[in-house]
C-alpha atoms as a PDB file:
ATOM      1  CA  MET A   1       0.101   0.041   0.155  1.00  0.00           C
ATOM      2  CA  ALA A   2       2.831   2.425   0.821  1.00  0.00           C
ATOM      3  CA  LEU A   3       4.263   1.632  -2.421  1.00  0.00           C
ATOM      4  CA  ILE A   4       1.241   2.918  -4.229  1.00  0.00           C
ATOM      5  CA  ASN A   5       0.838   5.705  -2.139  1.00  0.00           C
ATOM      6  CA  VAL A   6       4.428   6.770  -3.858  1.00  0.00           C
ATOM      7  CA  ILE A   7       3.616   6.271  -7.137  1.00  0.00           C
ATOM      8  CA  ILE A   8       0.743   8.492  -6.669  1.00  0.00           C
ATOM      9  CA  GLU A   9       2.736  10.931  -4.880  1.00  0.00           C
ATOM     10  CA  ARG A  10       5.414  10.922  -7.690  1.00  0.00           C
ATOM     11  CA  SER A  11       2.623  11.042 -10.649  1.00  0.00           C
ATOM     12  CA  GLU A  12       1.044  14.116  -9.055  1.00  0.00           C
ATOM     13  CA  ILE A  13       3.930  16.151  -8.788  1.00  0.00           C
ATOM     14  CA  ARG A  14       5.585  14.845 -12.266  1.00  0.00           C
ATOM     15  CA  PHE A  15       1.475  16.239 -13.799  1.00  0.00           C
ATOM     16  CA  SER A  16       0.807  18.998 -11.534  1.00  0.00           C
ATOM     17  CA  LYS A  17       2.217  21.608 -13.610  1.00  0.00           C
ATOM     18  CA  PRO A  18      -0.556  22.059 -16.530  1.00  0.00           C
ATOM     19  CA  ARG A  19       0.987  22.157 -20.167  1.00  0.00           C
ATOM     20  CA  TYR A  20      -0.392  24.827 -22.503  1.00  0.00           C
ATOM     21  CA  LEU A  21      -0.389  24.087 -26.234  1.00  0.00           C
ATOM     22  CA  ARG A  22      -0.392  27.035 -28.579  1.00  0.00           C
ATOM     23  CA  ASP A  23      -2.649  26.834 -31.552  1.00  0.00           C
ATOM     24  CA  ARG A  24      -0.238  27.907 -34.391  1.00  0.00           C
ATOM     25  CA  SER A  25      -2.274  26.348 -37.306  1.00  0.00           C
ATOM     26  CA  ASN A  26      -3.752  29.895 -38.230  1.00  0.00           C
ATOM     27  CA  PHE A  27      -1.653  32.698 -37.458  1.00  0.00           C
ATOM     28  CA  PHE A  28      -3.773  35.619 -39.470  1.00  0.00           C
ATOM     29  CA  ASP A  29      -7.214  34.620 -37.437  1.00  0.00           C
ATOM     30  CA  VAL A  30      -5.595  36.346 -34.063  1.00  0.00           C
ATOM     31  CA  TYR A  31      -3.843  39.117 -36.022  1.00  0.00           C
ATOM     32  CA  ASP A  32      -5.707  41.975 -37.783  1.00  0.00           C
ATOM     33  CA  ASP A  33      -3.980  44.140 -40.442  1.00  0.00           C
ATOM     34  CA  GLU A  34      -3.168  47.181 -37.975  1.00  0.00           C
ATOM     35  CA  ALA A  35      -1.446  44.771 -35.684  1.00  0.00           C
ATOM     36  CA  LEU A  36       0.354  42.994 -38.334  1.00  0.00           C
ATOM     37  CA  ILE A  37       1.469  46.199 -39.714  1.00  0.00           C
ATOM     38  CA  ARG A  38       2.702  47.402 -36.593  1.00  0.00           C
ATOM     39  CA  ASP A  39       3.908  43.772 -35.349  1.00  0.00           C
ATOM     40  CA  PHE A  40       5.096  42.766 -38.536  1.00  0.00           C
ATOM     41  CA  ARG A  41       5.421  45.765 -41.076  1.00  0.00           C
ATOM     42  CA  PHE A  42       3.058  44.405 -43.656  1.00  0.00           C
ATOM     43  CA  PRO A  43      -0.136  43.588 -43.912  1.00  0.00           C
ATOM     44  CA  THR A  44      -1.825  39.998 -44.229  1.00  0.00           C
ATOM     45  CA  LYS A  45      -2.125  40.372 -48.138  1.00  0.00           C
ATOM     46  CA  THR A  46       2.010  41.144 -48.457  1.00  0.00           C
ATOM     47  CA  ILE A  47       2.631  38.318 -45.892  1.00  0.00           C
ATOM     48  CA  ILE A  48       0.805  35.795 -47.634  1.00  0.00           C
ATOM     49  CA  GLU A  49       3.090  36.939 -50.986  1.00  0.00           C
ATOM     50  CA  ILE A  50       6.160  36.427 -48.841  1.00  0.00           C
ATOM     51  CA  VAL A  51       5.273  32.809 -47.869  1.00  0.00           C
ATOM     52  CA  ASN A  52       4.280  32.056 -51.329  1.00  0.00           C
ATOM     53  CA  LEU A  53       7.334  33.123 -52.221  1.00  0.00           C
ATOM     54  CA  CYS A  54       9.424  31.381 -49.648  1.00  0.00           C
ATOM     55  CA  GLU A  55       7.322  27.983 -50.636  1.00  0.00           C
ATOM     56  CA  THR A  56       8.720  28.178 -54.010  1.00  0.00           C
ATOM     57  CA  LEU A  57      12.073  27.802 -52.550  1.00  0.00           C
ATOM     58  CA  GLU A  58      11.599  25.328 -50.139  1.00  0.00           C
ATOM     59  CA  LEU A  59      12.251  26.409 -46.692  1.00  0.00           C
ATOM     60  CA  LYS A  60      11.321  23.194 -45.183  1.00  0.00           C
ATOM     61  CA  HIS A  61      13.629  21.536 -43.143  1.00  0.00           C
ATOM     62  CA  ARG A  62      14.477  18.307 -44.779  1.00  0.00           C
ATOM     63  CA  SER A  63      15.647  16.197 -42.266  1.00  0.00           C
ATOM     64  CA  ASN A  64      13.103  17.352 -39.626  1.00  0.00           C
ATOM     65  CA  ARG A  65       9.790  15.142 -39.552  1.00  0.00           C
ATOM     66  CA  LEU A  66       8.323  18.277 -37.175  1.00  0.00           C
ATOM     67  CA  ALA A  67       9.138  21.167 -39.293  1.00  0.00           C
ATOM     68  CA  ILE A  68       8.323  24.250 -38.730  1.00  0.00           C
ATOM     69  CA  PRO A  69       5.267  25.825 -41.156  1.00  0.00           C
ATOM     70  CA  ILE A  70       6.802  28.061 -43.818  1.00  0.00           C
ATOM     71  CA  HIS A  71       4.169  30.697 -42.554  1.00  0.00           C
ATOM     72  CA  LEU A  72       5.750  30.442 -39.064  1.00  0.00           C
ATOM     73  CA  GLN A  73       9.427  31.058 -40.281  1.00  0.00           C
ATOM     74  CA  VAL A  74       8.381  33.515 -42.292  1.00  0.00           C
ATOM     75  CA  LEU A  75       6.560  35.601 -39.243  1.00  0.00           C
ATOM     76  CA  THR A  76       9.391  34.779 -37.453  1.00  0.00           C
ATOM     77  CA  ALA A  77      12.111  36.236 -39.449  1.00  0.00           C
ATOM     78  CA  LEU A  78       9.457  39.331 -40.191  1.00  0.00           C
ATOM     79  CA  ARG A  79       8.776  39.722 -36.712  1.00  0.00           C
ATOM     80  CA  PHE A  80      12.955  39.476 -35.618  1.00  0.00           C
ATOM     81  CA  LEU A  81      13.480  42.092 -38.524  1.00  0.00           C
ATOM     82  CA  ALA A  82      10.800  44.835 -38.133  1.00  0.00           C
ATOM     83  CA  ARG A  83      11.184  45.063 -34.527  1.00  0.00           C
ATOM     84  CA  GLY A  84      14.494  44.300 -33.710  1.00  0.00           C
ATOM     85  CA  ILE A  85      13.832  42.067 -30.957  1.00  0.00           C
ATOM     86  CA  PHE A  86      16.271  39.421 -29.388  1.00  0.00           C
ATOM     87  CA  GLN A  87      15.855  35.665 -30.264  1.00  0.00           C
ATOM     88  CA  ASP A  88      14.947  34.905 -26.786  1.00  0.00           C
ATOM     89  CA  ASP A  89      12.125  37.033 -26.647  1.00  0.00           C
ATOM     90  CA  GLY A  90      10.899  36.201 -30.379  1.00  0.00           C
ATOM     91  CA  LYS A  91      11.052  32.351 -29.213  1.00  0.00           C
ATOM     92  CA  ASP A  92       8.541  32.793 -26.713  1.00  0.00           C
ATOM     93  CA  ILE A  93       5.977  34.575 -29.046  1.00  0.00           C
ATOM     94  CA  PHE A  94       5.931  31.915 -31.407  1.00  0.00           C
ATOM     95  CA  GLY A  95       6.713  28.752 -29.106  1.00  0.00           C
ATOM     96  CA  MET A  96      10.027  27.433 -30.759  1.00  0.00           C
ATOM     97  CA  SER A  97      13.679  27.049 -29.125  1.00  0.00           C
ATOM     98  CA  GLN A  98      15.944  29.671 -29.942  1.00  0.00           C
ATOM     99  CA  VAL A  99      18.024  27.205 -32.242  1.00  0.00           C
ATOM    100  CA  VAL A 100      14.854  27.004 -34.762  1.00  0.00           C
ATOM    101  CA  PHE A 101      14.096  30.597 -34.068  1.00  0.00           C
ATOM    102  CA  GLY A 102      17.403  31.337 -35.522  1.00  0.00           C
ATOM    103  CA  ARG A 103      17.379  28.782 -38.423  1.00  0.00           C
ATOM    104  CA  SER A 104      13.897  30.260 -39.111  1.00  0.00           C
ATOM    105  CA  ILE A 105      15.338  33.921 -39.567  1.00  0.00           C
ATOM    106  CA  HIS A 106      18.588  32.296 -41.688  1.00  0.00           C
ATOM    107  CA  ARG A 107      16.313  30.667 -44.046  1.00  0.00           C
ATOM    108  CA  VAL A 108      13.824  33.609 -44.921  1.00  0.00           C
ATOM    109  CA  THR A 109      16.340  36.110 -44.854  1.00  0.00           C
ATOM    110  CA  LYS A 110      18.480  34.037 -47.400  1.00  0.00           C
ATOM    111  CA  ALA A 111      15.235  33.365 -49.599  1.00  0.00           C
ATOM    112  CA  LEU A 112      14.540  37.124 -49.597  1.00  0.00           C
ATOM    113  CA  VAL A 113      18.341  37.927 -50.735  1.00  0.00           C
ATOM    114  CA  ILE A 114      17.388  35.617 -53.668  1.00  0.00           C
ATOM    115  CA  LYS A 115      14.509  37.102 -54.671  1.00  0.00           C
ATOM    116  CA  ALA A 116      15.586  40.623 -53.965  1.00  0.00           C
ATOM    117  CA  ASN A 117      16.011  41.766 -57.823  1.00  0.00           C
ATOM    118  CA  GLN A 118      12.650  41.161 -58.684  1.00  0.00           C
ATOM    119  CA  PHE A 119      11.599  43.756 -56.149  1.00  0.00           C
ATOM    120  CA  ILE A 120      14.257  46.061 -55.642  1.00  0.00           C
ATOM    121  CA  TYR A 121      16.093  48.204 -58.056  1.00  0.00           C
ATOM    122  CA  LEU A 122      17.103  51.513 -58.943  1.00  0.00           C
ATOM    123  CA  PRO A 123      15.294  53.428 -62.183  1.00  0.00           C
ATOM    124  CA  ASP A 124      17.276  54.072 -64.819  1.00  0.00           C
ATOM    125  CA  ALA A 125      18.384  57.884 -65.570  1.00  0.00           C
ATOM    126  CA  THR A 126      14.943  58.955 -67.913  1.00  0.00           C
ATOM    127  CA  GLU A 127      12.926  57.267 -64.291  1.00  0.00           C
ATOM    128  CA  ARG A 128      15.266  59.031 -62.218  1.00  0.00           C
ATOM    129  CA  ILE A 129      14.140  62.309 -63.725  1.00  0.00           C
ATOM    130  CA  ILE A 130      10.505  61.609 -63.538  1.00  0.00           C
ATOM    131  CA  GLN A 131      10.759  60.530 -59.892  1.00  0.00           C
ATOM    132  CA  LYS A 132      12.883  63.416 -58.617  1.00  0.00           C
ATOM    133  CA  GLN A 133      10.093  65.732 -60.153  1.00  0.00           C
ATOM    134  CA  LYS A 134       7.090  63.744 -58.445  1.00  0.00           C
ATOM    135  CA  PHE A 135       9.460  63.989 -55.232  1.00  0.00           C
ATOM    136  CA  PHE A 136       9.652  67.508 -55.418  1.00  0.00           C
ATOM    137  CA  ALA A 137       6.155  68.339 -56.263  1.00  0.00           C
ATOM    138  CA  LEU A 138       4.753  66.247 -53.582  1.00  0.00           C
ATOM    139  CA  ASN A 139       6.949  67.088 -50.654  1.00  0.00           C
ATOM    140  CA  GLY A 140       9.313  70.192 -52.025  1.00  0.00           C
ATOM    141  CA  MET A 141      12.267  67.143 -51.666  1.00  0.00           C
ATOM    142  CA  PRO A 142      14.729  67.993 -54.457  1.00  0.00           C
ATOM    143  CA  ASN A 143      17.216  65.685 -55.981  1.00  0.00           C
ATOM    144  CA  THR A 144      15.031  62.706 -54.353  1.00  0.00           C
ATOM    145  CA  PHE A 145      14.252  59.640 -56.794  1.00  0.00           C
ATOM    146  CA  ALA A 146      13.985  56.903 -53.966  1.00  0.00           C
ATOM    147  CA  LEU A 147      13.224  56.237 -50.541  1.00  0.00           C
ATOM    148  CA  VAL A 148      13.807  53.419 -47.685  1.00  0.00           C
ATOM    149  CA  ASP A 149      11.622  52.634 -44.990  1.00  0.00           C
ATOM    150  CA  GLY A 150      13.700  52.701 -41.960  1.00  0.00           C
ATOM    151  CA  THR A 151      13.245  53.211 -38.133  1.00  0.00           C
ATOM    152  CA  HIS A 152      14.906  56.281 -36.951  1.00  0.00           C
ATOM    153  CA  VAL A 153      16.686  55.430 -33.572  1.00  0.00           C
ATOM    154  CA  HIS A 154      17.677  58.640 -31.468  1.00  0.00           C
ATOM    155  CA  ILE A 155      21.319  58.374 -30.524  1.00  0.00           C
ATOM    156  CA  LEU A 156      23.067  60.042 -27.222  1.00  0.00           C
ATOM    157  CA  THR A 157      25.949  62.124 -27.913  1.00  0.00           C
ATOM    158  CA  PRO A 158      29.041  60.691 -25.780  1.00  0.00           C
ATOM    159  CA  SER A 159      30.038  63.290 -23.180  1.00  0.00           C
ATOM    160  CA  LYS A 160      33.655  65.060 -23.767  1.00  0.00           C
ATOM    161  CA  GLU A 161      35.331  63.073 -21.728  1.00  0.00           C
ATOM    162  CA  VAL A 162      34.758  59.744 -23.651  1.00  0.00           C
ATOM    163  CA  GLU A 163      34.036  61.322 -26.850  1.00  0.00           C
ATOM    164  CA  HIS A 164      37.744  60.171 -28.358  1.00  0.00           C
ATOM    165  CA  ASN A 165      36.472  56.670 -28.000  1.00  0.00           C
ATOM    166  CA  TYR A 166      33.633  56.476 -30.139  1.00  0.00           C
ATOM    167  CA  VAL A 167      35.167  58.926 -33.330  1.00  0.00           C
END
């Protein structure tokens, strides 16, 4: 009887902590476009296009039978690139290990670099002139033919005592 009590006590200890499984099947039902733009910098339609683009390059890890779905790999990488989160913080959001999180970022970034020439280009000389005129007419910005979206970070200047270490 004592042995049965010990087994029951051990099983209660072992299973006393409830496990919560995240439903990762359809991430787009959880986020609306406003939240997606805030956290990933893209609306649903664009993220789906990026997922489809990455599917053509087969981001699946061939040796892992429990591979992370491509849409989660893309969302992981986009969140990392858009928000500059640390991998330890990001893995908690998506429920994957830091190693898998890092590999997902690497795979998606590599796929985007391969396809970058389809979407990123500089206009030719004639198009530059037209774009410069449009930018000037729209915003009064002279000699501007293209823009890059980015995040501006306020950097504090170092004090005079240590300034020579940074210059």
